[in-house]
Amino acid sequence: MQDVPQFLARRGLALASYLDPRRAAVLDAEHCVRINWESFFFADLWERERFLDDVVAYCGLLTDPVSRRRFRPTLESPRFSHAGVRYFFESVDTRELFESEPDKYRLPSWKM
């Protein structure tokens, strides 16, 4: 998958900040957080850090990278970090499959 901030910038798209939709998000890598296959953009670094301090409270539904099912992570959800991206899983089984071959599951094969 292409780099999300670059894709949005090339298209001239604008997004609202994830935590404060009244503000415009900064569309660069520094203001972007990747969780599973989702990308979250923020108006400033303080919002980004607030999100990272309690990802489970703020992220909403995520896509399990192995099963591709949508789920809402909890504090008990299995997790794993790979290549600078945090991943949450709907089960220990999907986390173990991901851990065994992370590059197979870490990004969908679609192109933007």
PDB file of N, CA and C in Angstrom:
ATOM      1  N   MET A   1       0.847  -1.170   0.000  1.00  0.00           N
ATOM      2  CA  MET A   1       0.000   0.000   0.000  1.00  0.00           C
ATOM      3  C   MET A   1       0.889   1.229   0.000  1.00  0.00           C
ATOM      4  N   GLN A   2       0.454   2.221  -0.701  1.00  0.00           N
ATOM      5  CA  GLN A   2       1.211   3.462  -0.745  1.00  0.00           C
ATOM      6  C   GLN A   2       1.142   4.178   0.597  1.00  0.00           C
ATOM      7  N   ASP A   3       2.030   5.115   0.797  1.00  0.00           N
ATOM      8  CA  ASP A   3       2.057   5.914   2.006  1.00  0.00           C
ATOM      9  C   ASP A   3       0.800   6.784   2.071  1.00  0.00           C
ATOM     10  N   VAL A   4       0.034   6.647   3.131  1.00  0.00           N
ATOM     11  CA  VAL A   4      -1.257   7.334   3.232  1.00  0.00           C
ATOM     12  C   VAL A   4      -1.113   8.856   3.232  1.00  0.00           C
ATOM     13  N   PRO A   5      -0.216   9.449   4.054  1.00  0.00           N
ATOM     14  CA  PRO A   5      -0.100  10.912   4.003  1.00  0.00           C
ATOM     15  C   PRO A   5       0.271  11.430   2.610  1.00  0.00           C
ATOM     16  N   GLN A   6       1.187  10.747   1.919  1.00  0.00           N
ATOM     17  CA  GLN A   6       1.571  11.167   0.571  1.00  0.00           C
ATOM     18  C   GLN A   6       0.393  11.050  -0.392  1.00  0.00           C
ATOM     19  N   PHE A   7      -0.361   9.971  -0.292  1.00  0.00           N
ATOM     20  CA  PHE A   7      -1.521   9.785  -1.162  1.00  0.00           C
ATOM     21  C   PHE A   7      -2.525  10.919  -0.974  1.00  0.00           C
ATOM     22  N   LEU A   8      -2.841  11.253   0.275  1.00  0.00           N
ATOM     23  CA  LEU A   8      -3.803  12.322   0.555  1.00  0.00           C
ATOM     24  C   LEU A   8      -3.296  13.664   0.059  1.00  0.00           C
ATOM     25  N   ALA A   9      -2.012  13.934   0.260  1.00  0.00           N
ATOM     26  CA  ALA A   9      -1.437  15.205  -0.188  1.00  0.00           C
ATOM     27  C   ALA A   9      -1.476  15.316  -1.712  1.00  0.00           C
ATOM     28  N   ARG A  10      -1.123  14.238  -2.407  1.00  0.00           N
ATOM     29  CA  ARG A  10      -1.154  14.260  -3.878  1.00  0.00           C
ATOM     30  C   ARG A  10      -2.552  14.517  -4.406  1.00  0.00           C
ATOM     31  N   ARG A  11      -3.545  14.030  -3.705  1.00  0.00           N
ATOM     32  CA  ARG A  11      -4.938  14.209  -4.132  1.00  0.00           C
ATOM     33  C   ARG A  11      -5.505  15.564  -3.692  1.00  0.00           C
ATOM     34  N   GLY A  12      -4.756  16.287  -2.869  1.00  0.00           N
ATOM     35  CA  GLY A  12      -5.234  17.579  -2.383  1.00  0.00           C
ATOM     36  C   GLY A  12      -6.396  17.451  -1.407  1.00  0.00           C
ATOM     37  N   LEU A  13      -6.466  16.318  -0.717  1.00  0.00           N
ATOM     38  CA  LEU A  13      -7.561  16.076   0.210  1.00  0.00           C
ATOM     39  C   LEU A  13      -7.268  16.694   1.570  1.00  0.00           C
ATOM     40  N   ALA A  14      -8.313  17.026   2.272  1.00  0.00           N
ATOM     41  CA  ALA A  14      -8.196  17.552   3.636  1.00  0.00           C
ATOM     42  C   ALA A  14      -9.037  16.673   4.545  1.00  0.00           C
ATOM     43  N   LEU A  15      -8.557  16.469   5.758  1.00  0.00           N
ATOM     44  CA  LEU A  15      -9.287  15.682   6.745  1.00  0.00           C
ATOM     45  C   LEU A  15      -9.410  16.478   8.029  1.00  0.00           C
ATOM     46  N   ALA A  16     -10.438  16.158   8.777  1.00  0.00           N
ATOM     47  CA  ALA A  16     -10.580  16.730  10.113  1.00  0.00           C
ATOM     48  C   ALA A  16      -9.703  15.931  11.061  1.00  0.00           C
ATOM     49  N   SER A  17      -9.255  16.586  12.110  1.00  0.00           N
ATOM     50  CA  SER A  17      -8.482  15.906  13.141  1.00  0.00           C
ATOM     51  C   SER A  17      -9.341  14.824  13.785  1.00  0.00           C
ATOM     52  N   TYR A  18      -8.739  13.671  14.051  1.00  0.00           N
ATOM     53  CA  TYR A  18      -9.509  12.546  14.579  1.00  0.00           C
ATOM     54  C   TYR A  18     -10.138  12.854  15.936  1.00  0.00           C
ATOM     55  N   LEU A  19      -9.412  13.520  16.822  1.00  0.00           N
ATOM     56  CA  LEU A  19      -9.951  13.791  18.155  1.00  0.00           C
ATOM     57  C   LEU A  19     -10.748  15.089  18.242  1.00  0.00           C
ATOM     58  N   ASP A  20     -10.535  16.010  17.329  1.00  0.00           N
ATOM     59  CA  ASP A  20     -11.267  17.279  17.343  1.00  0.00           C
ATOM     60  C   ASP A  20     -11.641  17.634  15.912  1.00  0.00           C
ATOM     61  N   PRO A  21     -12.794  17.153  15.445  1.00  0.00           N
ATOM     62  CA  PRO A  21     -13.182  17.355  14.048  1.00  0.00           C
ATOM     63  C   PRO A  21     -13.413  18.819  13.659  1.00  0.00           C
ATOM     64  N   ARG A  22     -13.390  19.723  14.622  1.00  0.00           N
ATOM     65  CA  ARG A  22     -13.499  21.144  14.285  1.00  0.00           C
ATOM     66  C   ARG A  22     -12.190  21.694  13.729  1.00  0.00           C
ATOM     67  N   ARG A  23     -11.111  20.930  13.915  1.00  0.00           N
ATOM     68  CA  ARG A  23      -9.786  21.364  13.472  1.00  0.00           C
ATOM     69  C   ARG A  23      -9.317  20.519  12.290  1.00  0.00           C
ATOM     70  N   ALA A  24      -8.519  21.116  11.439  1.00  0.00           N
ATOM     71  CA  ALA A  24      -7.956  20.390  10.299  1.00  0.00           C
ATOM     72  C   ALA A  24      -6.784  19.535  10.758  1.00  0.00           C
ATOM     73  N   ALA A  25      -6.720  18.332  10.236  1.00  0.00           N
ATOM     74  CA  ALA A  25      -5.592  17.448  10.531  1.00  0.00           C
ATOM     75  C   ALA A  25      -4.388  17.863   9.687  1.00  0.00           C
ATOM     76  N   VAL A  26      -3.213  17.645  10.219  1.00  0.00           N
ATOM     77  CA  VAL A  26      -1.979  17.836   9.465  1.00  0.00           C
ATOM     78  C   VAL A  26      -1.685  16.500   8.787  1.00  0.00           C
ATOM     79  N   LEU A  27      -1.582  16.519   7.478  1.00  0.00           N
ATOM     80  CA  LEU A  27      -1.432  15.271   6.728  1.00  0.00           C
ATOM     81  C   LEU A  27       0.030  14.988   6.423  1.00  0.00           C
ATOM     82  N   ASP A  28       0.752  14.619   7.462  1.00  0.00           N
ATOM     83  CA  ASP A  28       2.127  14.176   7.295  1.00  0.00           C
ATOM     84  C   ASP A  28       2.379  13.005   8.246  1.00  0.00           C
ATOM     85  N   ALA A  29       3.527  12.367   8.077  1.00  0.00           N
ATOM     86  CA  ALA A  29       3.833  11.173   8.871  1.00  0.00           C
ATOM     87  C   ALA A  29       3.924  11.478  10.361  1.00  0.00           C
ATOM     88  N   GLU A  30       4.363  12.664  10.719  1.00  0.00           N
ATOM     89  CA  GLU A  30       4.517  13.018  12.126  1.00  0.00           C
ATOM     90  C   GLU A  30       3.170  13.119  12.850  1.00  0.00           C
ATOM     91  N   HIS A  31       2.120  13.485  12.135  1.00  0.00           N
ATOM     92  CA  HIS A  31       0.788  13.654  12.729  1.00  0.00           C
ATOM     93  C   HIS A  31      -0.137  12.464  12.439  1.00  0.00           C
ATOM     94  N   CYS A  32       0.434  11.392  11.936  1.00  0.00           N
ATOM     95  CA  CYS A  32      -0.326  10.188  11.573  1.00  0.00           C
ATOM     96  C   CYS A  32       0.051   9.049  12.505  1.00  0.00           C
ATOM     97  N   VAL A  33      -0.955   8.275  12.912  1.00  0.00           N
ATOM     98  CA  VAL A  33      -0.730   7.055  13.684  1.00  0.00           C
ATOM     99  C   VAL A  33      -1.372   5.918  12.910  1.00  0.00           C
ATOM    100  N   ARG A  34      -0.609   4.852  12.698  1.00  0.00           N
ATOM    101  CA  ARG A  34      -1.139   3.659  12.045  1.00  0.00           C
ATOM    102  C   ARG A  34      -1.421   2.615  13.116  1.00  0.00           C
ATOM    103  N   ILE A  35      -2.636   2.128  13.150  1.00  0.00           N
ATOM    104  CA  ILE A  35      -3.048   1.022  14.012  1.00  0.00           C
ATOM    105  C   ILE A  35      -3.712   0.013  13.081  1.00  0.00           C
ATOM    106  N   ASN A  36      -3.179  -1.194  13.039  1.00  0.00           N
ATOM    107  CA  ASN A  36      -3.640  -2.199  12.084  1.00  0.00           C
ATOM    108  C   ASN A  36      -3.579  -1.593  10.692  1.00  0.00           C
ATOM    109  N   TRP A  37      -4.658  -1.600   9.941  1.00  0.00           N
ATOM    110  CA  TRP A  37      -4.646  -1.025   8.600  1.00  0.00           C
ATOM    111  C   TRP A  37      -5.194   0.398   8.585  1.00  0.00           C
ATOM    112  N   GLU A  38      -5.628   0.883   9.734  1.00  0.00           N
ATOM    113  CA  GLU A  38      -6.223   2.211   9.809  1.00  0.00           C
ATOM    114  C   GLU A  38      -5.161   3.282  10.032  1.00  0.00           C
ATOM    115  N   SER A  39      -5.431   4.468   9.524  1.00  0.00           N
ATOM    116  CA  SER A  39      -4.561   5.627   9.727  1.00  0.00           C
ATOM    117  C   SER A  39      -5.382   6.711  10.405  1.00  0.00           C
ATOM    118  N   PHE A  40      -4.813   7.304  11.438  1.00  0.00           N
ATOM    119  CA  PHE A  40      -5.468   8.363  12.199  1.00  0.00           C
ATOM    120  C   PHE A  40      -4.600   9.617  12.098  1.00  0.00           C
ATOM    121  N   PHE A  41      -5.231  10.764  11.789  1.00  0.00           N
ATOM    122  CA  PHE A  41      -4.508  12.022  11.633  1.00  0.00           C
ATOM    123  C   PHE A  41      -4.975  13.016  12.679  1.00  0.00           C
ATOM    124  N   PHE A  42      -4.043  13.865  13.117  1.00  0.00           N
ATOM    125  CA  PHE A  42      -4.312  14.796  14.213  1.00  0.00           C
ATOM    126  C   PHE A  42      -3.881  16.212  13.848  1.00  0.00           C
ATOM    127  N   ALA A  43      -4.502  17.186  14.506  1.00  0.00           N
ATOM    128  CA  ALA A  43      -4.205  18.592  14.253  1.00  0.00           C
ATOM    129  C   ALA A  43      -2.872  19.008  14.863  1.00  0.00           C
ATOM    130  N   ASP A  44      -2.491  18.370  15.951  1.00  0.00           N
ATOM    131  CA  ASP A  44      -1.215  18.711  16.587  1.00  0.00           C
ATOM    132  C   ASP A  44      -0.661  17.477  17.297  1.00  0.00           C
ATOM    133  N   LEU A  45       0.572  17.598  17.745  1.00  0.00           N
ATOM    134  CA  LEU A  45       1.237  16.459  18.374  1.00  0.00           C
ATOM    135  C   LEU A  45       0.664  16.133  19.744  1.00  0.00           C
ATOM    136  N   TRP A  46       0.091  17.123  20.416  1.00  0.00           N
ATOM    137  CA  TRP A  46      -0.551  16.860  21.706  1.00  0.00           C
ATOM    138  C   TRP A  46      -1.728  15.896  21.518  1.00  0.00           C
ATOM    139  N   GLU A  47      -2.570  16.137  20.496  1.00  0.00           N
ATOM    140  CA  GLU A  47      -3.687  15.220  20.220  1.00  0.00           C
ATOM    141  C   GLU A  47      -3.172  13.820  19.893  1.00  0.00           C
ATOM    142  N   ARG A  48      -2.117  13.751  19.101  1.00  0.00           N
ATOM    143  CA  ARG A  48      -1.534  12.461  18.724  1.00  0.00           C
ATOM    144  C   ARG A  48      -1.083  11.698  19.972  1.00  0.00           C
ATOM    145  N   GLU A  49      -0.394  12.373  20.876  1.00  0.00           N
ATOM    146  CA  GLU A  49       0.076  11.729  22.096  1.00  0.00           C
ATOM    147  C   GLU A  49      -1.088  11.309  22.996  1.00  0.00           C
ATOM    148  N   ARG A  50      -2.114  12.135  23.066  1.00  0.00           N
ATOM    149  CA  ARG A  50      -3.311  11.782  23.844  1.00  0.00           C
ATOM    150  C   ARG A  50      -3.928  10.493  23.307  1.00  0.00           C
ATOM    151  N   PHE A  51      -4.041  10.377  21.997  1.00  0.00           N
ATOM    152  CA  PHE A  51      -4.553   9.170  21.349  1.00  0.00           C
ATOM    153  C   PHE A  51      -3.663   7.967  21.693  1.00  0.00           C
ATOM    154  N   LEU A  52      -2.352   8.129  21.568  1.00  0.00           N
ATOM    155  CA  LEU A  52      -1.428   7.023  21.828  1.00  0.00           C
ATOM    156  C   LEU A  52      -1.429   6.587  23.286  1.00  0.00           C
ATOM    157  N   ASP A  53      -1.745   7.501  24.196  1.00  0.00           N
ATOM    158  CA  ASP A  53      -1.799   7.155  25.619  1.00  0.00           C
ATOM    159  C   ASP A  53      -2.955   6.218  25.949  1.00  0.00           C
ATOM    160  N   ASP A  54      -4.007   6.207  25.116  1.00  0.00           N
ATOM    161  CA  ASP A  54      -5.168   5.351  25.380  1.00  0.00           C
ATOM    162  C   ASP A  54      -5.820   4.935  24.060  1.00  0.00           C
ATOM    163  N   VAL A  55      -5.068   4.227  23.249  1.00  0.00           N
ATOM    164  CA  VAL A  55      -5.534   3.823  21.913  1.00  0.00           C
ATOM    165  C   VAL A  55      -6.869   3.099  21.973  1.00  0.00           C
ATOM    166  N   VAL A  56      -7.019   2.181  22.908  1.00  0.00           N
ATOM    167  CA  VAL A  56      -8.245   1.379  22.993  1.00  0.00           C
ATOM    168  C   VAL A  56      -9.475   2.268  23.209  1.00  0.00           C
ATOM    169  N   ALA A  57      -9.339   3.314  23.993  1.00  0.00           N
ATOM    170  CA  ALA A  57     -10.468   4.206  24.267  1.00  0.00           C
ATOM    171  C   ALA A  57     -10.862   5.013  23.035  1.00  0.00           C
ATOM    172  N   TYR A  58      -9.904   5.321  22.175  1.00  0.00           N
ATOM    173  CA  TYR A  58     -10.156   6.245  21.068  1.00  0.00           C
ATOM    174  C   TYR A  58     -10.297   5.611  19.687  1.00  0.00           C
ATOM    175  N   CYS A  59      -9.739   4.435  19.459  1.00  0.00           N
ATOM    176  CA  CYS A  59      -9.617   3.949  18.077  1.00  0.00           C
ATOM    177  C   CYS A  59     -10.906   3.466  17.429  1.00  0.00           C
ATOM    178  N   GLY A  60     -11.874   3.044  18.192  1.00  0.00           N
ATOM    179  CA  GLY A  60     -13.103   2.514  17.577  1.00  0.00           C
ATOM    180  C   GLY A  60     -12.866   1.142  16.982  1.00  0.00           C
ATOM    181  N   LEU A  61     -13.569   0.831  15.908  1.00  0.00           N
ATOM    182  CA  LEU A  61     -13.424  -0.477  15.257  1.00  0.00           C
ATOM    183  C   LEU A  61     -12.122  -0.548  14.473  1.00  0.00           C
ATOM    184  N   LEU A  62     -11.497  -1.715  14.528  1.00  0.00           N
ATOM    185  CA  LEU A  62     -10.294  -1.989  13.754  1.00  0.00           C
ATOM    186  C   LEU A  62     -10.526  -3.235  12.914  1.00  0.00           C
ATOM    187  N   THR A  63      -9.674  -3.443  11.934  1.00  0.00           N
ATOM    188  CA  THR A  63      -9.725  -4.646  11.111  1.00  0.00           C
ATOM    189  C   THR A  63      -8.610  -5.578  11.550  1.00  0.00           C
ATOM    190  N   ASP A  64      -8.968  -6.782  11.962  1.00  0.00           N
ATOM    191  CA  ASP A  64      -7.954  -7.773  12.299  1.00  0.00           C
ATOM    192  C   ASP A  64      -7.198  -8.095  11.005  1.00  0.00           C
ATOM    193  N   PRO A  65      -5.866  -7.947  10.982  1.00  0.00           N
ATOM    194  CA  PRO A  65      -5.131  -8.135   9.727  1.00  0.00           C
ATOM    195  C   PRO A  65      -5.102  -9.574   9.222  1.00  0.00           C
ATOM    196  N   VAL A  66      -5.437 -10.537  10.058  1.00  0.00           N
ATOM    197  CA  VAL A  66      -5.442 -11.934   9.628  1.00  0.00           C
ATOM    198  C   VAL A  66      -6.837 -12.355   9.177  1.00  0.00           C
ATOM    199  N   SER A  67      -7.822 -12.178  10.034  1.00  0.00           N
ATOM    200  CA  SER A  67      -9.183 -12.614   9.696  1.00  0.00           C
ATOM    201  C   SER A  67      -9.909 -11.600   8.815  1.00  0.00           C
ATOM    202  N   ARG A  68      -9.440 -10.347   8.834  1.00  0.00           N
ATOM    203  CA  ARG A  68     -10.050  -9.226   8.106  1.00  0.00           C
ATOM    204  C   ARG A  68     -11.451  -8.881   8.614  1.00  0.00           C
ATOM    205  N   ARG A  69     -11.764  -9.321   9.812  1.00  0.00           N
ATOM    206  CA  ARG A  69     -13.044  -8.968  10.436  1.00  0.00           C
ATOM    207  C   ARG A  69     -12.866  -7.698  11.262  1.00  0.00           C
ATOM    208  N   ARG A  70     -13.910  -6.895  11.314  1.00  0.00           N
ATOM    209  CA  ARG A  70     -13.902  -5.687  12.128  1.00  0.00           C
ATOM    210  C   ARG A  70     -14.236  -6.067  13.568  1.00  0.00           C
ATOM    211  N   PHE A  71     -13.565  -5.434  14.515  1.00  0.00           N
ATOM    212  CA  PHE A  71     -13.818  -5.697  15.930  1.00  0.00           C
ATOM    213  C   PHE A  71     -13.429  -4.459  16.727  1.00  0.00           C
ATOM    214  N   ARG A  72     -13.930  -4.377  17.943  1.00  0.00           N
ATOM    215  CA  ARG A  72     -13.575  -3.283  18.845  1.00  0.00           C
ATOM    216  C   ARG A  72     -12.577  -3.828  19.865  1.00  0.00           C
ATOM    217  N   PRO A  73     -11.320  -3.345  19.828  1.00  0.00           N
ATOM    218  CA  PRO A  73     -10.337  -3.866  20.779  1.00  0.00           C
ATOM    219  C   PRO A  73     -10.652  -3.458  22.215  1.00  0.00           C
ATOM    220  N   THR A  74     -10.194  -4.280  23.134  1.00  0.00           N
ATOM    221  CA  THR A  74     -10.319  -4.003  24.564  1.00  0.00           C
ATOM    222  C   THR A  74      -8.919  -3.991  25.168  1.00  0.00           C
ATOM    223  N   LEU A  75      -8.838  -3.696  26.444  1.00  0.00           N
ATOM    224  CA  LEU A  75      -7.541  -3.721  27.119  1.00  0.00           C
ATOM    225  C   LEU A  75      -6.929  -5.122  27.109  1.00  0.00           C
ATOM    226  N   GLU A  76      -7.774  -6.144  26.995  1.00  0.00           N
ATOM    227  CA  GLU A  76      -7.297  -7.532  26.979  1.00  0.00           C
ATOM    228  C   GLU A  76      -7.003  -8.053  25.575  1.00  0.00           C
ATOM    229  N   SER A  77      -7.274  -7.277  24.552  1.00  0.00           N
ATOM    230  CA  SER A  77      -7.050  -7.742  23.181  1.00  0.00           C
ATOM    231  C   SER A  77      -5.581  -8.072  22.949  1.00  0.00           C
ATOM    232  N   PRO A  78      -5.314  -9.198  22.286  1.00  0.00           N
ATOM    233  CA  PRO A  78      -3.929  -9.517  21.937  1.00  0.00           C
ATOM    234  C   PRO A  78      -3.370  -8.411  21.039  1.00  0.00           C
ATOM    235  N   ARG A  79      -2.084  -8.119  21.187  1.00  0.00           N
ATOM    236  CA  ARG A  79      -1.461  -7.056  20.387  1.00  0.00           C
ATOM    237  C   ARG A  79      -0.031  -7.439  20.039  1.00  0.00           C
ATOM    238  N   PHE A  80       0.489  -6.737  19.057  1.00  0.00           N
ATOM    239  CA  PHE A  80       1.841  -7.004  18.571  1.00  0.00           C
ATOM    240  C   PHE A  80       2.287  -5.781  17.783  1.00  0.00           C
ATOM    241  N   SER A  81       3.564  -5.439  17.858  1.00  0.00           N
ATOM    242  CA  SER A  81       4.104  -4.330  17.063  1.00  0.00           C
ATOM    243  C   SER A  81       5.050  -4.885  16.020  1.00  0.00           C
ATOM    244  N   HIS A  82       4.940  -4.336  14.812  1.00  0.00           N
ATOM    245  CA  HIS A  82       5.807  -4.767  13.714  1.00  0.00           C
ATOM    246  C   HIS A  82       6.044  -3.590  12.780  1.00  0.00           C
ATOM    247  N   ALA A  83       7.292  -3.346  12.449  1.00  0.00           N
ATOM    248  CA  ALA A  83       7.681  -2.286  11.502  1.00  0.00           C
ATOM    249  C   ALA A  83       7.083  -0.929  11.884  1.00  0.00           C
ATOM    250  N   GLY A  84       7.055  -0.646  13.179  1.00  0.00           N
ATOM    251  CA  GLY A  84       6.580   0.650  13.642  1.00  0.00           C
ATOM    252  C   GLY A  84       5.072   0.814  13.697  1.00  0.00           C
ATOM    253  N   VAL A  85       4.331  -0.262  13.478  1.00  0.00           N
ATOM    254  CA  VAL A  85       2.864  -0.207  13.508  1.00  0.00           C
ATOM    255  C   VAL A  85       2.365  -1.096  14.639  1.00  0.00           C
ATOM    256  N   ARG A  86       1.428  -0.574  15.422  1.00  0.00           N
ATOM    257  CA  ARG A  86       0.779  -1.384  16.465  1.00  0.00           C
ATOM    258  C   ARG A  86      -0.364  -2.162  15.827  1.00  0.00           C
ATOM    259  N   TYR A  87      -0.497  -3.414  16.231  1.00  0.00           N
ATOM    260  CA  TYR A  87      -1.580  -4.260  15.740  1.00  0.00           C
ATOM    261  C   TYR A  87      -2.344  -4.809  16.937  1.00  0.00           C
ATOM    262  N   PHE A  88      -3.666  -4.805  16.814  1.00  0.00           N
ATOM    263  CA  PHE A  88      -4.557  -5.443  17.776  1.00  0.00           C
ATOM    264  C   PHE A  88      -5.256  -6.577  17.036  1.00  0.00           C
ATOM    265  N   PHE A  89      -5.596  -7.634  17.780  1.00  0.00           N
ATOM    266  CA  PHE A  89      -6.194  -8.815  17.160  1.00  0.00           C
ATOM    267  C   PHE A  89      -7.447  -9.223  17.908  1.00  0.00           C
ATOM    268  N   GLU A  90      -8.353  -9.855  17.177  1.00  0.00           N
ATOM    269  CA  GLU A  90      -9.584 -10.302  17.816  1.00  0.00           C
ATOM    270  C   GLU A  90      -9.382 -11.577  18.614  1.00  0.00           C
ATOM    271  N   SER A  91      -8.267 -12.279  18.390  1.00  0.00           N
ATOM    272  CA  SER A  91      -8.004 -13.511  19.144  1.00  0.00           C
ATOM    273  C   SER A  91      -6.508 -13.786  19.217  1.00  0.00           C
ATOM    274  N   VAL A  92      -6.123 -14.633  20.156  1.00  0.00           N
ATOM    275  CA  VAL A  92      -4.728 -15.054  20.275  1.00  0.00           C
ATOM    276  C   VAL A  92      -4.316 -15.819  19.018  1.00  0.00           C
ATOM    277  N   ASP A  93      -5.239 -16.599  18.449  1.00  0.00           N
ATOM    278  CA  ASP A  93      -4.926 -17.380  17.244  1.00  0.00           C
ATOM    279  C   ASP A  93      -4.512 -16.477  16.085  1.00  0.00           C
ATOM    280  N   THR A  94      -5.243 -15.375  15.851  1.00  0.00           N
ATOM    281  CA  THR A  94      -4.881 -14.503  14.736  1.00  0.00           C
ATOM    282  C   THR A  94      -3.565 -13.775  15.032  1.00  0.00           C
ATOM    283  N   ARG A  95      -3.326 -13.426  16.286  1.00  0.00           N
ATOM    284  CA  ARG A  95      -2.040 -12.807  16.622  1.00  0.00           C
ATOM    285  C   ARG A  95      -0.891 -13.771  16.341  1.00  0.00           C
ATOM    286  N   GLU A  96      -1.045 -15.032  16.714  1.00  0.00           N
ATOM    287  CA  GLU A  96       0.015 -16.016  16.490  1.00  0.00           C
ATOM    288  C   GLU A  96       0.277 -16.235  14.999  1.00  0.00           C
ATOM    289  N   LEU A  97      -0.779 -16.249  14.201  1.00  0.00           N
ATOM    290  CA  LEU A  97      -0.586 -16.364  12.754  1.00  0.00           C
ATOM    291  C   LEU A  97       0.165 -15.151  12.213  1.00  0.00           C
ATOM    292  N   PHE A  98      -0.204 -13.972  12.678  1.00  0.00           N
ATOM    293  CA  PHE A  98       0.469 -12.751  12.256  1.00  0.00           C
ATOM    294  C   PHE A  98       1.947 -12.791  12.655  1.00  0.00           C
ATOM    295  N   GLU A  99       2.225 -13.158  13.890  1.00  0.00           N
ATOM    296  CA  GLU A  99       3.609 -13.215  14.378  1.00  0.00           C
ATOM    297  C   GLU A  99       4.463 -14.167  13.551  1.00  0.00           C
ATOM    298  N   SER A 100       3.876 -15.259  13.070  1.00  0.00           N
ATOM    299  CA  SER A 100       4.647 -16.247  12.307  1.00  0.00           C
ATOM    300  C   SER A 100       5.023 -15.736  10.916  1.00  0.00           C
ATOM    301  N   GLU A 101       4.210 -14.860  10.326  1.00  0.00           N
ATOM    302  CA  GLU A 101       4.481 -14.304   8.995  1.00  0.00           C
ATOM    303  C   GLU A 101       3.952 -12.868   8.909  1.00  0.00           C
ATOM    304  N   PRO A 102       4.530 -11.934   9.640  1.00  0.00           N
ATOM    305  CA  PRO A 102       3.954 -10.584   9.692  1.00  0.00           C
ATOM    306  C   PRO A 102       3.875  -9.880   8.341  1.00  0.00           C
ATOM    307  N   ASP A 103       4.853 -10.086   7.473  1.00  0.00           N
ATOM    308  CA  ASP A 103       4.813  -9.385   6.184  1.00  0.00           C
ATOM    309  C   ASP A 103       3.686  -9.881   5.285  1.00  0.00           C
ATOM    310  N   LYS A 104       3.225 -11.089   5.527  1.00  0.00           N
ATOM    311  CA  LYS A 104       2.099 -11.627   4.753  1.00  0.00           C
ATOM    312  C   LYS A 104       0.793 -10.899   5.092  1.00  0.00           C
ATOM    313  N   TYR A 105       0.664 -10.432   6.335  1.00  0.00           N
ATOM    314  CA  TYR A 105      -0.591  -9.863   6.806  1.00  0.00           C
ATOM    315  C   TYR A 105      -0.553  -8.365   7.076  1.00  0.00           C
ATOM    316  N   ARG A 106       0.621  -7.751   7.141  1.00  0.00           N
ATOM    317  CA  ARG A 106       0.688  -6.397   7.675  1.00  0.00           C
ATOM    318  C   ARG A 106       0.022  -5.342   6.822  1.00  0.00           C
ATOM    319  N   LEU A 107      -0.043  -5.515   5.534  1.00  0.00           N
ATOM    320  CA  LEU A 107      -0.711  -4.535   4.675  1.00  0.00           C
ATOM    321  C   LEU A 107      -1.593  -5.240   3.667  1.00  0.00           C
ATOM    322  N   PRO A 108      -2.764  -4.675   3.394  1.00  0.00           N
ATOM    323  CA  PRO A 108      -3.580  -5.262   2.327  1.00  0.00           C
ATOM    324  C   PRO A 108      -2.883  -5.052   0.987  1.00  0.00           C
ATOM    325  N   SER A 109      -3.259  -5.819   0.004  1.00  0.00           N
ATOM    326  CA  SER A 109      -2.565  -5.751  -1.286  1.00  0.00           C
ATOM    327  C   SER A 109      -3.122  -4.687  -2.217  1.00  0.00           C
ATOM    328  N   TRP A 110      -4.117  -3.914  -1.782  1.00  0.00           N
ATOM    329  CA  TRP A 110      -4.680  -2.923  -2.685  1.00  0.00           C
ATOM    330  C   TRP A 110      -3.746  -1.741  -2.869  1.00  0.00           C
ATOM    331  N   LYS A 111      -3.913  -1.074  -3.983  1.00  0.00           N
ATOM    332  CA  LYS A 111      -3.155   0.146  -4.272  1.00  0.00           C
ATOM    333  C   LYS A 111      -4.128   1.313  -4.221  1.00  0.00           C
ATOM    334  N   MET A 112      -3.619   2.428  -3.719  1.00  0.00           N
ATOM    335  CA  MET A 112      -4.456   3.646  -3.677  1.00  0.00           C
ATOM    336  C   MET A 112      -4.261   4.400  -4.968  1.00  0.00           C
TER     337      MET A 112
END
